[in-house]
N, C-alpha and C. Protein backbone atom coordinates (compact mmCIF):
# COMPACT_ATOMS: atom_id res chain seq x y z
N MET A 1 149.80 74.45 70.90
CA MET A 1 151.10 74.65 71.52
C MET A 1 151.40 76.13 71.77
N THR A 2 151.05 76.96 70.79
CA THR A 2 151.32 78.38 70.96
C THR A 2 150.46 78.98 72.07
N GLN A 3 149.26 78.42 72.27
CA GLN A 3 148.41 78.90 73.35
C GLN A 3 149.06 78.63 74.70
N ILE A 4 149.70 77.48 74.89
CA ILE A 4 150.39 77.14 76.14
C ILE A 4 151.55 78.08 76.37
N ILE A 5 152.33 78.32 75.30
CA ILE A 5 153.48 79.22 75.43
C ILE A 5 153.01 80.63 75.74
N ARG A 6 151.92 81.03 75.07
CA ARG A 6 151.40 82.37 75.32
C ARG A 6 150.92 82.50 76.77
N SER A 7 150.20 81.53 77.28
CA SER A 7 149.72 81.60 78.66
C SER A 7 150.88 81.56 79.66
N GLN A 8 151.95 80.80 79.34
CA GLN A 8 153.12 80.79 80.22
C GLN A 8 153.84 82.13 80.20
N GLY A 9 153.90 82.76 79.03
CA GLY A 9 154.49 84.10 78.92
C GLY A 9 153.68 85.14 79.69
N GLU A 10 152.35 85.03 79.59
CA GLU A 10 151.49 85.94 80.34
C GLU A 10 151.67 85.73 81.85
N MET A 11 151.81 84.47 82.24
CA MET A 11 152.02 84.18 83.66
C MET A 11 153.37 84.71 84.13
N PHE A 12 154.38 84.62 83.26
CA PHE A 12 155.69 85.16 83.58
C PHE A 12 155.60 86.67 83.83
N LEU A 13 154.96 87.41 82.91
CA LEU A 13 154.81 88.86 83.08
C LEU A 13 153.93 89.21 84.28
N ALA A 14 152.87 88.43 84.49
CA ALA A 14 152.00 88.68 85.63
C ALA A 14 152.77 88.47 86.93
N SER A 15 153.61 87.45 86.99
CA SER A 15 154.41 87.19 88.19
C SER A 15 155.40 88.31 88.44
N LEU A 16 156.03 88.79 87.38
CA LEU A 16 156.97 89.90 87.51
C LEU A 16 156.25 91.15 88.02
N ILE A 17 155.09 91.45 87.47
CA ILE A 17 154.31 92.60 87.89
C ILE A 17 153.80 92.42 89.32
N MET A 18 153.43 91.18 89.69
CA MET A 18 152.98 90.94 91.07
C MET A 18 154.11 91.17 92.06
N GLY A 19 155.32 90.78 91.71
CA GLY A 19 156.46 91.02 92.59
C GLY A 19 156.71 92.52 92.78
N ILE A 20 156.64 93.26 91.69
CA ILE A 20 156.81 94.72 91.78
C ILE A 20 155.67 95.33 92.59
N GLY A 21 154.45 94.87 92.33
CA GLY A 21 153.28 95.38 93.06
C GLY A 21 153.38 95.07 94.55
N MET A 22 153.90 93.90 94.88
CA MET A 22 154.07 93.54 96.28
C MET A 22 155.07 94.49 96.95
N GLY A 23 156.13 94.82 96.25
CA GLY A 23 157.11 95.76 96.78
C GLY A 23 156.52 97.14 96.99
N ILE A 24 155.72 97.60 96.04
CA ILE A 24 155.09 98.92 96.17
C ILE A 24 154.13 98.94 97.34
N THR A 25 153.29 97.92 97.46
CA THR A 25 152.33 97.92 98.57
C THR A 25 153.03 97.80 99.92
N TYR A 26 154.14 97.09 99.95
CA TYR A 26 154.87 97.02 101.22
C TYR A 26 155.49 98.37 101.56
N ASP A 27 155.97 99.11 100.55
CA ASP A 27 156.48 100.46 100.80
C ASP A 27 155.37 101.39 101.29
N VAL A 28 154.17 101.25 100.74
CA VAL A 28 153.03 102.04 101.21
C VAL A 28 152.77 101.71 102.68
N LEU A 29 152.78 100.43 103.00
CA LEU A 29 152.56 99.99 104.37
C LEU A 29 153.64 100.52 105.31
N ARG A 30 154.89 100.46 104.87
CA ARG A 30 155.99 100.99 105.69
C ARG A 30 155.85 102.49 105.91
N SER A 31 155.46 103.21 104.86
CA SER A 31 155.31 104.65 104.96
C SER A 31 154.17 105.01 105.92
N ILE A 32 153.07 104.29 105.84
CA ILE A 32 151.96 104.53 106.76
C ILE A 32 152.40 104.26 108.19
N ARG A 33 153.14 103.19 108.39
CA ARG A 33 153.60 102.85 109.74
C ARG A 33 154.56 103.91 110.28
N LYS A 34 155.35 104.50 109.40
CA LYS A 34 156.31 105.52 109.85
C LYS A 34 155.60 106.80 110.23
N ASN A 35 154.60 107.21 109.46
CA ASN A 35 153.96 108.51 109.66
C ASN A 35 152.77 108.47 110.60
N ILE A 36 152.14 107.33 110.73
CA ILE A 36 150.97 107.20 111.60
C ILE A 36 151.29 106.13 112.62
N ARG A 37 151.56 106.54 113.82
CA ARG A 37 151.90 105.60 114.89
C ARG A 37 150.65 104.86 115.34
N HIS A 38 150.80 103.53 115.48
CA HIS A 38 149.71 102.74 116.01
C HIS A 38 150.26 101.52 116.74
N SER A 39 149.38 100.82 117.43
CA SER A 39 149.81 99.75 118.33
C SER A 39 150.27 98.51 117.57
N ASP A 40 150.90 97.60 118.32
CA ASP A 40 151.40 96.36 117.74
C ASP A 40 150.27 95.48 117.22
N ILE A 41 149.11 95.57 117.82
CA ILE A 41 147.97 94.78 117.36
C ILE A 41 147.59 95.19 115.94
N PHE A 42 147.55 96.49 115.69
CA PHE A 42 147.20 96.96 114.35
C PHE A 42 148.30 96.64 113.34
N VAL A 43 149.54 96.67 113.77
CA VAL A 43 150.63 96.29 112.87
C VAL A 43 150.47 94.83 112.47
N GLY A 44 150.14 93.99 113.43
CA GLY A 44 149.91 92.58 113.14
C GLY A 44 148.74 92.37 112.20
N LEU A 45 147.66 93.12 112.43
CA LEU A 45 146.49 93.03 111.54
C LEU A 45 146.83 93.49 110.13
N GLU A 46 147.62 94.56 110.02
CA GLU A 46 148.05 95.03 108.70
C GLU A 46 148.85 93.96 107.98
N ASP A 47 149.76 93.30 108.71
CA ASP A 47 150.57 92.24 108.10
C ASP A 47 149.70 91.08 107.62
N ILE A 48 148.75 90.69 108.45
CA ILE A 48 147.86 89.59 108.07
C ILE A 48 147.05 89.96 106.83
N ILE A 49 146.51 91.17 106.81
CA ILE A 49 145.74 91.62 105.64
C ILE A 49 146.62 91.69 104.41
N PHE A 50 147.86 92.19 104.57
CA PHE A 50 148.80 92.27 103.45
C PHE A 50 149.05 90.89 102.84
N TRP A 51 149.37 89.91 103.69
CA TRP A 51 149.70 88.58 103.18
C TRP A 51 148.47 87.85 102.64
N LEU A 52 147.32 88.03 103.26
CA LEU A 52 146.11 87.41 102.73
C LEU A 52 145.74 87.99 101.36
N ALA A 53 145.87 89.30 101.22
CA ALA A 53 145.55 89.95 99.95
C ALA A 53 146.49 89.47 98.85
N TRP A 54 147.79 89.40 99.14
CA TRP A 54 148.72 88.97 98.11
C TRP A 54 148.62 87.48 97.83
N THR A 55 148.24 86.69 98.80
CA THR A 55 148.00 85.26 98.54
C THR A 55 146.82 85.12 97.59
N TRP A 56 145.76 85.88 97.85
CA TRP A 56 144.60 85.82 96.98
C TRP A 56 144.96 86.27 95.56
N ILE A 57 145.74 87.34 95.44
CA ILE A 57 146.15 87.84 94.11
C ILE A 57 146.98 86.79 93.37
N PHE A 58 147.92 86.16 94.08
CA PHE A 58 148.74 85.12 93.45
C PHE A 58 147.88 83.96 92.98
N LEU A 59 147.02 83.47 93.86
CA LEU A 59 146.17 82.33 93.49
C LEU A 59 145.23 82.67 92.34
N ASP A 60 144.67 83.85 92.37
CA ASP A 60 143.79 84.28 91.28
C ASP A 60 144.54 84.29 89.95
N ASN A 61 145.75 84.83 89.94
CA ASN A 61 146.52 84.87 88.69
C ASN A 61 146.98 83.48 88.26
N ILE A 62 147.29 82.62 89.20
CA ILE A 62 147.68 81.26 88.83
C ILE A 62 146.50 80.54 88.17
N PHE A 63 145.32 80.71 88.71
CA PHE A 63 144.15 80.06 88.10
C PHE A 63 143.75 80.73 86.79
N ARG A 64 143.97 82.03 86.68
CA ARG A 64 143.60 82.75 85.46
C ARG A 64 144.54 82.43 84.29
N TYR A 65 145.85 82.47 84.54
CA TYR A 65 146.82 82.32 83.44
C TYR A 65 147.38 80.92 83.30
N ASN A 66 147.32 80.12 84.35
CA ASN A 66 148.02 78.83 84.32
C ASN A 66 147.08 77.67 84.65
N ASP A 67 145.79 77.88 84.59
CA ASP A 67 144.78 76.86 84.85
C ASP A 67 144.96 76.18 86.20
N GLY A 68 145.49 76.87 87.15
CA GLY A 68 145.59 76.36 88.51
C GLY A 68 146.78 75.47 88.79
N SER A 69 147.68 75.33 87.84
CA SER A 69 148.85 74.49 88.12
C SER A 69 149.99 75.37 88.64
N PHE A 70 150.52 74.95 89.77
CA PHE A 70 151.60 75.69 90.41
C PHE A 70 152.92 75.34 89.74
N ARG A 71 153.68 76.36 89.44
CA ARG A 71 155.02 76.17 88.88
C ARG A 71 155.98 76.97 89.76
N ILE A 72 157.14 76.44 89.98
CA ILE A 72 158.11 77.10 90.84
C ILE A 72 158.59 78.42 90.23
N TYR A 73 158.60 78.48 88.89
CA TYR A 73 159.10 79.71 88.26
C TYR A 73 158.20 80.90 88.58
N ILE A 74 156.92 80.66 88.87
CA ILE A 74 156.00 81.75 89.19
C ILE A 74 156.52 82.51 90.42
N PHE A 75 156.91 81.77 91.44
CA PHE A 75 157.38 82.38 92.68
C PHE A 75 158.79 82.94 92.53
N VAL A 76 159.61 82.28 91.72
CA VAL A 76 160.97 82.78 91.47
C VAL A 76 160.91 84.10 90.72
N VAL A 77 160.04 84.17 89.70
CA VAL A 77 159.91 85.40 88.92
C VAL A 77 159.30 86.52 89.77
N ALA A 78 158.33 86.19 90.61
CA ALA A 78 157.74 87.21 91.49
C ALA A 78 158.80 87.73 92.45
N PHE A 79 159.60 86.86 93.01
CA PHE A 79 160.68 87.29 93.90
C PHE A 79 161.69 88.13 93.14
N THR A 80 161.97 87.77 91.90
CA THR A 80 162.88 88.55 91.06
C THR A 80 162.31 89.95 90.81
N GLY A 81 161.01 90.03 90.54
CA GLY A 81 160.37 91.34 90.36
C GLY A 81 160.45 92.18 91.62
N LEU A 82 160.28 91.53 92.77
CA LEU A 82 160.42 92.23 94.04
C LEU A 82 161.83 92.76 94.23
N LEU A 83 162.83 91.95 93.90
CA LEU A 83 164.23 92.39 94.03
C LEU A 83 164.56 93.52 93.05
N ILE A 84 164.04 93.42 91.83
CA ILE A 84 164.27 94.48 90.85
C ILE A 84 163.69 95.79 91.36
N TYR A 85 162.47 95.74 91.86
CA TYR A 85 161.85 96.95 92.41
C TYR A 85 162.65 97.47 93.59
N LYS A 86 163.01 96.59 94.50
CA LYS A 86 163.71 96.99 95.73
C LYS A 86 165.05 97.66 95.41
N ASN A 87 165.74 97.17 94.40
CA ASN A 87 167.07 97.69 94.09
C ASN A 87 167.06 98.85 93.09
N THR A 88 165.89 99.21 92.56
CA THR A 88 165.87 100.31 91.59
C THR A 88 165.10 101.52 92.10
N ILE A 89 163.80 101.43 92.18
CA ILE A 89 163.01 102.63 92.46
C ILE A 89 162.36 102.63 93.85
N SER A 90 162.67 101.67 94.67
CA SER A 90 162.03 101.58 95.98
C SER A 90 162.30 102.81 96.84
N ARG A 91 163.52 103.29 96.85
CA ARG A 91 163.86 104.46 97.66
C ARG A 91 163.07 105.69 97.22
N GLY A 92 162.99 105.88 95.92
CA GLY A 92 162.26 107.03 95.40
C GLY A 92 160.77 106.95 95.72
N VAL A 93 160.18 105.78 95.55
CA VAL A 93 158.76 105.61 95.86
C VAL A 93 158.52 105.82 97.34
N TYR A 94 159.37 105.25 98.18
CA TYR A 94 159.22 105.39 99.63
C TYR A 94 159.35 106.85 100.06
N PHE A 95 160.33 107.57 99.47
CA PHE A 95 160.50 108.99 99.76
C PHE A 95 159.26 109.78 99.33
N LEU A 96 158.75 109.51 98.13
CA LEU A 96 157.58 110.20 97.62
C LEU A 96 156.36 109.93 98.50
N LEU A 97 156.17 108.69 98.92
CA LEU A 97 155.04 108.36 99.79
C LEU A 97 155.15 109.07 101.14
N ASN A 98 156.35 109.10 101.71
CA ASN A 98 156.55 109.81 102.97
C ASN A 98 156.27 111.30 102.81
N TYR A 99 156.69 111.87 101.71
CA TYR A 99 156.46 113.28 101.43
C TYR A 99 154.96 113.57 101.32
N ILE A 100 154.25 112.72 100.58
CA ILE A 100 152.81 112.90 100.41
C ILE A 100 152.09 112.78 101.76
N LEU A 101 152.45 111.77 102.55
CA LEU A 101 151.81 111.60 103.85
C LEU A 101 152.15 112.74 104.81
N CYS A 102 153.37 113.28 104.69
CA CYS A 102 153.76 114.40 105.53
C CYS A 102 152.93 115.64 105.18
N ILE A 103 152.74 115.88 103.90
CA ILE A 103 151.90 117.00 103.46
C ILE A 103 150.47 116.78 103.90
N ALA A 104 149.98 115.55 103.75
CA ALA A 104 148.60 115.24 104.17
C ALA A 104 148.44 115.44 105.67
N GLU A 105 149.45 115.09 106.43
CA GLU A 105 149.38 115.27 107.88
C GLU A 105 149.33 116.75 108.23
N LYS A 106 150.11 117.57 107.51
CA LYS A 106 150.06 119.01 107.74
C LYS A 106 148.72 119.59 107.33
N CYS A 107 148.15 119.06 106.26
CA CYS A 107 146.82 119.53 105.84
C CYS A 107 145.76 119.13 106.84
N VAL A 108 145.94 118.03 107.50
CA VAL A 108 144.97 117.57 108.50
C VAL A 108 145.20 118.28 109.83
N GLU A 109 146.40 118.76 110.06
CA GLU A 109 146.74 119.38 111.35
C GLU A 109 145.91 120.63 111.62
N LYS A 110 145.70 121.45 110.59
CA LYS A 110 144.94 122.70 110.79
C LYS A 110 143.48 122.40 111.18
N PRO A 111 142.76 121.57 110.42
CA PRO A 111 141.39 121.26 110.87
C PRO A 111 141.36 120.55 112.22
N LYS A 112 142.39 119.77 112.49
CA LYS A 112 142.47 119.08 113.77
C LYS A 112 142.59 120.09 114.92
N LYS A 113 143.42 121.13 114.72
CA LYS A 113 143.56 122.18 115.73
C LYS A 113 142.25 122.95 115.88
N LEU A 114 141.61 123.25 114.75
CA LEU A 114 140.33 123.97 114.80
C LEU A 114 139.29 123.15 115.56
N LEU A 115 139.26 121.87 115.29
CA LEU A 115 138.31 121.00 115.99
C LEU A 115 138.62 120.95 117.48
N LYS A 116 139.92 120.85 117.79
CA LYS A 116 140.33 120.81 119.19
C LYS A 116 139.95 122.11 119.90
N ASN A 117 140.22 123.26 119.24
CA ASN A 117 139.85 124.55 119.83
C ASN A 117 138.34 124.69 119.94
N GLY A 118 137.61 124.17 118.96
CA GLY A 118 136.15 124.21 119.01
C GLY A 118 135.63 123.39 120.17
N LEU A 119 136.21 122.23 120.40
CA LEU A 119 135.79 121.41 121.54
C LEU A 119 136.13 122.10 122.85
N LYS A 120 137.29 122.77 122.88
CA LYS A 120 137.68 123.51 124.08
C LYS A 120 136.68 124.63 124.33
N TRP A 121 136.31 125.37 123.29
CA TRP A 121 135.34 126.44 123.41
C TRP A 121 134.00 125.87 123.87
N TYR A 122 133.60 124.73 123.33
CA TYR A 122 132.35 124.09 123.71
C TYR A 122 132.38 123.69 125.18
N LYS A 123 133.50 123.14 125.64
CA LYS A 123 133.61 122.75 127.05
C LYS A 123 133.53 123.96 127.96
N ILE A 124 134.18 125.05 127.57
CA ILE A 124 134.14 126.28 128.38
C ILE A 124 132.72 126.79 128.46
N ASN A 125 132.07 126.89 127.30
CA ASN A 125 130.69 127.40 127.29
C ASN A 125 129.76 126.46 128.04
N LEU A 126 129.97 125.17 127.91
CA LEU A 126 129.14 124.21 128.62
C LEU A 126 129.34 124.34 130.12
N SER A 127 130.59 124.53 130.55
CA SER A 127 130.83 124.69 131.98
C SER A 127 130.23 126.00 132.50
N ILE A 128 130.30 127.06 131.71
CA ILE A 128 129.67 128.33 132.11
C ILE A 128 128.17 128.15 132.21
N PHE A 129 127.59 127.47 131.21
CA PHE A 129 126.15 127.22 131.24
C PHE A 129 125.77 126.40 132.47
N ARG A 130 126.55 125.38 132.77
CA ARG A 130 126.28 124.56 133.96
C ARG A 130 126.42 125.41 135.23
N TYR A 131 127.41 126.28 135.26
CA TYR A 131 127.60 127.14 136.43
C TYR A 131 126.37 128.00 136.65
N PHE A 132 125.91 128.66 135.57
CA PHE A 132 124.74 129.51 135.72
C PHE A 132 123.49 128.70 136.03
N LYS A 133 123.40 127.54 135.44
CA LYS A 133 122.25 126.68 135.69
C LYS A 133 122.24 126.24 137.16
N ASN A 134 123.39 125.77 137.65
CA ASN A 134 123.49 125.37 139.05
C ASN A 134 123.30 126.55 139.98
N ASN A 135 123.88 127.69 139.61
CA ASN A 135 123.75 128.91 140.41
C ASN A 135 122.28 129.34 140.48
N GLU A 136 121.58 129.23 139.36
CA GLU A 136 120.17 129.58 139.30
C GLU A 136 119.36 128.63 140.19
N LYS A 137 119.68 127.35 140.15
CA LYS A 137 119.01 126.38 141.00
C LYS A 137 119.24 126.70 142.47
N GLU A 138 120.49 127.04 142.79
CA GLU A 138 120.80 127.39 144.18
C GLU A 138 120.03 128.64 144.62
N LYS A 139 119.97 129.63 143.74
CA LYS A 139 119.23 130.85 144.06
C LYS A 139 117.76 130.53 144.29
N ASN A 140 117.20 129.72 143.41
CA ASN A 140 115.79 129.34 143.56
C ASN A 140 115.58 128.57 144.85
N ALA A 141 116.50 127.68 145.15
CA ALA A 141 116.38 126.90 146.39
C ALA A 141 116.52 127.81 147.60
N LYS A 142 117.50 128.71 147.57
CA LYS A 142 117.67 129.63 148.69
C LYS A 142 116.47 130.56 148.82
N LYS A 143 115.99 130.98 147.66
CA LYS A 143 114.85 131.88 147.68
C LYS A 143 113.64 131.18 148.29
N ALA A 144 113.40 129.95 147.82
CA ALA A 144 112.27 129.19 148.37
C ALA A 144 112.50 128.89 149.84
N PHE A 145 113.69 128.46 150.16
CA PHE A 145 113.99 128.15 151.56
C PHE A 145 114.02 129.42 152.40
N GLY A 146 114.55 130.49 151.80
CA GLY A 146 114.64 131.77 152.50
C GLY A 146 113.27 132.32 152.82
N GLU A 147 112.35 132.23 151.86
CA GLU A 147 110.99 132.71 152.11
C GLU A 147 110.33 131.89 153.20
N LEU A 148 110.54 130.58 153.11
CA LEU A 148 109.98 129.72 154.16
C LEU A 148 110.63 130.04 155.50
N GLY A 149 111.93 130.24 155.46
CA GLY A 149 112.66 130.55 156.68
C GLY A 149 112.24 131.88 157.25
N ASN A 150 112.04 132.87 156.38
CA ASN A 150 111.61 134.18 156.85
C ASN A 150 110.20 134.14 157.41
N GLU A 151 109.32 133.38 156.77
CA GLU A 151 107.97 133.26 157.30
C GLU A 151 108.00 132.62 158.68
N HIS A 152 108.86 131.63 158.83
CA HIS A 152 108.98 130.97 160.12
C HIS A 152 109.50 131.94 161.17
N LYS A 153 110.48 132.77 160.76
CA LYS A 153 111.02 133.77 161.69
C LYS A 153 109.97 134.81 162.04
N LYS A 154 109.17 135.21 161.03
CA LYS A 154 108.12 136.20 161.28
C LYS A 154 107.10 135.66 162.27
N LYS A 155 106.76 134.38 162.09
CA LYS A 155 105.81 133.78 163.02
C LYS A 155 106.38 133.74 164.42
N GLU A 156 107.69 133.39 164.50
CA GLU A 156 108.32 133.36 165.82
C GLU A 156 108.31 134.74 166.45
N LYS A 157 108.61 135.75 165.64
CA LYS A 157 108.63 137.12 166.17
C LYS A 157 107.24 137.52 166.64
N LYS A 158 106.25 137.15 165.85
CA LYS A 158 104.89 137.48 166.25
C LYS A 158 104.51 136.77 167.53
N VAL A 159 104.92 135.55 167.61
CA VAL A 159 104.62 134.79 168.81
C VAL A 159 105.33 135.40 169.99
N ASN A 160 106.55 135.78 169.78
CA ASN A 160 107.32 136.38 170.86
C ASN A 160 106.73 137.70 171.29
N LYS A 161 106.23 138.49 170.37
CA LYS A 161 105.65 139.78 170.69
C LYS A 161 104.37 139.58 171.48
N LYS A 162 103.59 138.62 171.11
CA LYS A 162 102.34 138.38 171.80
C LYS A 162 102.56 137.89 173.23
N THR A 163 103.56 137.08 173.38
CA THR A 163 103.82 136.55 174.71
C THR A 163 104.43 137.58 175.62
N VAL A 164 105.13 138.52 175.08
CA VAL A 164 105.79 139.51 175.92
C VAL A 164 104.88 140.58 176.29
């Protein structure tokens, strides 16, 4: 009998912790969505992954602590844990996450600018290289054509001199 009560107590605490954990992960998700803009498709995928992960966590804990029997109190206690989290420390956690992501974005901004400037420098140098390469090809073509053209003109001049 005490084993049953103990497992029900463990399930009660696990449900409470799962509700709080669900609130924290949703705040992480909200913070990421606020700081990193992405399309509606990715938002939908994030939601699907969020709910599939938490469904798996709930089912795993139900089978671990309660031998797979569903009890309504499990979901009520998890919802209560979510409400407790939401009404107590949710604002602070959300603010802290936004602050961390904002700092991380600023830390990423400098290498991002360096990379962007490096690519710009690469494009400029590549275009200069292409210019010289194309210019060199044109010079070689003109030179080859010019020599042929000059030889042709020389022959014409010689022919003209002989005929005159």
